[in-house]
Amino acid sequence: MSKRWYVVHAYSGFEKHVTRSLIERVKLYGMEDQFGEILVPTEEVVEMRDGKRRKSERKFYPGYVLVEMEMNDQTWHLVNETPRVMGFIGGTPEKPAPITQKEADGILRRVQDGTDKPRPKTLFEPGEAVRVVDGPFADFNGVVEEVNYEKSRLHVSVLIFGRSTPVELEFAQVEKD
């Protein structure tokens, strides 16, 4: 039998705990051959806190854990009887439906991209009003003209002496108004 990806509904905030518990239970009952990866889909995000760049994790789907497994009575019971698991998503409670391989590949690719290139916690859009909080233009207000997510920079039109002046800034140097 081949392993498929299933979505398990866990208590919100306990996704990592459920992942650890599942891995421990799979080993305890000697079912490693019937389970593949067990993961919480997350990406790294970068934010400025107290003037320092900090990386943190953001969950794509809070409250859910992805489990690669063969579905049978034993594996179903092992997952459902794990503390803080509310059950499977999709299908019926007794016979859960796996997500498609295309969906699973999309989520896994997004997880991989999220670890390769940390994303900013705050997303900016052209035309949005922002306030500069760092650098030579601190405390000036401006309007976002362009956003470059690859370089984590944006072009902002700042009003200096009554004239609109284009300035290139890092995401960390501005905050939304």
Protein backbone atom coordinates (compact mmCIF):
# COMPACT_ATOMS: atom_id res chain seq x y z
CA MET A 1 0.00 0.00 0.00
CA SER A 2 1.24 3.50 -0.72
CA LYS A 3 1.35 6.37 1.74
CA ARG A 4 -0.90 9.37 1.15
CA TRP A 5 -1.09 12.82 2.80
CA TYR A 6 -3.88 13.41 5.32
CA VAL A 7 -4.80 16.58 7.20
CA VAL A 8 -5.24 16.17 10.96
CA HIS A 9 -7.15 18.78 12.97
CA ALA A 10 -5.26 19.63 16.19
CA TYR A 11 -5.97 22.09 18.99
CA SER A 12 -4.83 25.50 17.84
CA GLY A 13 -1.43 26.33 19.31
CA PHE A 14 -0.63 22.64 19.93
CA GLU A 15 0.36 21.70 16.36
CA LYS A 16 4.05 21.14 17.25
CA HIS A 17 3.05 19.21 20.39
CA VAL A 18 0.75 16.94 18.34
CA THR A 19 3.54 16.41 15.77
CA ARG A 20 5.97 15.32 18.52
CA SER A 21 3.34 13.08 20.14
CA LEU A 22 2.52 11.39 16.83
CA ILE A 23 6.20 10.73 16.06
CA GLU A 24 6.69 9.24 19.57
CA ARG A 25 3.56 7.07 19.32
CA VAL A 26 4.53 5.78 15.85
CA LYS A 27 7.92 4.66 17.27
CA LEU A 28 6.32 3.26 20.46
CA TYR A 29 3.93 1.03 18.48
CA GLY A 30 6.57 0.11 15.86
CA MET A 31 4.55 1.51 12.93
CA GLU A 32 7.40 3.45 11.24
CA ASP A 33 6.83 1.56 7.98
CA GLN A 34 3.21 2.81 7.79
CA PHE A 35 4.02 6.49 8.38
CA GLY A 36 6.10 8.98 6.39
CA GLU A 37 6.57 12.65 7.21
CA ILE A 38 4.57 14.39 9.94
CA LEU A 39 4.79 18.17 9.76
CA VAL A 40 3.25 21.53 10.55
CA PRO A 41 3.37 23.69 7.38
CA THR A 42 5.25 26.88 8.34
CA GLU A 43 7.37 29.58 6.73
CA GLU A 44 9.99 31.89 8.18
CA VAL A 45 9.07 35.56 8.43
CA VAL A 46 11.33 38.50 9.24
CA GLU A 47 10.18 41.40 11.41
CA MET A 48 11.77 44.29 13.26
CA ARG A 49 11.35 44.28 17.02
CA ASP A 50 13.19 46.63 19.37
CA GLY A 51 15.34 47.80 16.45
CA LYS A 52 16.57 44.26 15.72
CA ARG A 53 15.78 41.94 12.83
CA ARG A 54 14.07 38.83 14.15
CA LYS A 55 13.05 35.67 12.38
CA SER A 56 9.94 33.87 13.49
CA GLU A 57 7.71 31.13 12.12
CA ARG A 58 4.24 31.63 10.74
CA LYS A 59 1.87 28.71 10.24
CA PHE A 60 0.12 28.47 6.86
CA TYR A 61 -2.79 26.54 8.35
CA PRO A 62 -3.07 27.12 12.13
CA GLY A 63 -4.68 24.13 13.83
CA TYR A 64 -3.63 21.57 11.22
CA VAL A 65 -0.89 18.95 10.93
CA LEU A 66 0.01 17.10 7.72
CA VAL A 67 0.57 13.36 8.10
CA GLU A 68 1.89 11.06 5.38
CA MET A 69 0.55 7.58 6.17
CA GLU A 70 -1.09 4.37 5.02
CA MET A 71 -4.71 4.47 6.12
CA ASN A 72 -5.90 1.37 7.98
CA ASP A 73 -7.65 0.67 11.30
CA GLN A 74 -4.43 0.66 13.35
CA THR A 75 -3.02 3.92 11.90
CA TRP A 76 -6.44 5.61 12.09
CA HIS A 77 -6.72 4.74 15.81
CA LEU A 78 -3.11 5.75 16.52
CA VAL A 79 -3.72 9.24 15.09
CA ASN A 80 -7.23 9.74 16.52
CA GLU A 81 -6.23 8.65 20.03
CA THR A 82 -3.28 11.06 20.16
CA PRO A 83 -3.87 13.80 22.79
CA ARG A 84 -5.07 17.16 21.39
CA VAL A 85 -6.13 15.65 18.04
CA MET A 86 -9.72 16.39 17.03
CA GLY A 87 -9.75 14.11 14.01
CA PHE A 88 -9.11 14.04 10.28
CA ILE A 89 -10.24 16.66 7.76
CA GLY A 90 -11.98 15.48 4.58
CA GLY A 91 -14.04 12.37 3.85
CA THR A 92 -16.03 10.97 6.77
CA PRO A 93 -14.81 10.64 10.37
CA GLU A 94 -14.55 6.84 9.92
CA LYS A 95 -13.02 6.97 6.43
CA PRO A 96 -10.93 10.15 5.96
CA ALA A 97 -10.02 11.27 2.44
CA PRO A 98 -6.40 12.12 1.62
CA ILE A 99 -5.49 15.40 -0.06
CA THR A 100 -4.39 15.12 -3.69
CA GLN A 101 -0.70 14.73 -4.50
CA LYS A 102 -0.88 18.09 -6.33
CA GLU A 103 -2.15 19.82 -3.16
CA ALA A 104 0.51 18.10 -1.04
CA ASP A 105 3.28 19.08 -3.49
CA GLY A 106 2.06 22.71 -3.44
CA ILE A 107 2.16 22.86 0.37
CA LEU A 108 5.58 21.15 0.55
CA ARG A 109 6.99 23.53 -2.09
CA ARG A 110 5.65 26.50 -0.12
CA VAL A 111 7.28 25.15 3.07
CA GLN A 112 10.61 24.74 1.20
CA ASP A 113 10.39 28.26 -0.29
CA GLY A 114 9.56 29.67 3.14
CA THR A 115 12.77 28.28 4.65
CA ASP A 116 14.93 29.30 1.67
CA LYS A 117 13.69 32.90 1.49
CA PRO A 118 12.21 34.32 4.69
CA ARG A 119 9.25 36.59 3.93
CA PRO A 120 8.47 39.87 5.62
CA LYS A 121 5.81 39.65 8.30
CA THR A 122 4.17 42.82 6.97
CA LEU A 123 3.13 42.94 3.32
CA PHE A 124 3.10 46.29 1.50
CA GLU A 125 1.12 47.45 -1.55
CA PRO A 126 1.66 50.38 -3.90
CA GLY A 127 -0.43 53.40 -2.91
CA GLU A 128 -0.31 52.49 0.78
CA ALA A 129 0.60 55.19 3.35
CA VAL A 130 3.64 54.37 5.49
CA ARG A 131 5.74 56.09 8.15
CA VAL A 132 9.54 55.88 8.08
CA VAL A 133 10.82 54.68 11.47
CA ASP A 134 14.56 54.28 10.82
CA GLY A 135 17.35 55.97 8.88
CA PRO A 136 17.83 59.57 7.73
CA PHE A 137 14.13 59.98 6.86
CA ALA A 138 12.81 58.77 10.25
CA ASP A 139 9.44 60.26 11.25
CA PHE A 140 8.58 61.25 7.67
CA ASN A 141 5.38 59.97 6.09
CA GLY A 142 5.23 58.66 2.55
CA VAL A 143 3.36 56.61 -0.02
CA VAL A 144 4.59 53.24 -1.33
CA GLU A 145 5.38 53.44 -5.07
CA GLU A 146 7.01 50.05 -5.71
CA VAL A 147 7.60 46.86 -3.70
CA ASN A 148 10.50 44.44 -4.29
CA TYR A 149 9.96 41.28 -2.21
CA GLU A 150 13.14 39.61 -3.54
CA LYS A 151 15.37 42.33 -2.07
CA SER A 152 12.99 43.27 0.80
CA ARG A 153 13.02 46.90 -0.32
CA LEU A 154 10.44 49.47 -1.34
CA HIS A 155 10.35 52.77 -3.15
CA VAL A 156 8.51 55.38 -1.12
CA SER A 157 7.60 58.94 -2.10
CA VAL A 158 8.42 61.03 0.97
CA LEU A 159 7.26 64.64 1.35
CA ILE A 160 10.39 66.69 2.13
CA PHE A 161 10.10 70.52 2.24
CA GLY A 162 6.76 70.31 0.44
CA ARG A 163 8.21 68.22 -2.44
CA SER A 164 7.63 64.56 -3.14
CA THR A 165 11.01 62.79 -3.13
CA PRO A 166 11.49 59.12 -4.12
CA VAL A 167 13.46 57.13 -1.53
CA GLU A 168 14.48 53.46 -1.51
CA LEU A 169 14.08 51.85 1.93
CA GLU A 170 14.22 48.40 3.52
CA PHE A 171 10.99 46.86 4.82
CA ALA A 172 12.38 47.13 8.34
CA GLN A 173 12.71 50.94 8.02
CA VAL A 174 8.97 51.57 7.57
CA GLU A 175 5.70 50.72 9.25
CA LYS A 176 2.12 50.99 8.04
CA ASP A 177 0.29 54.18 8.98
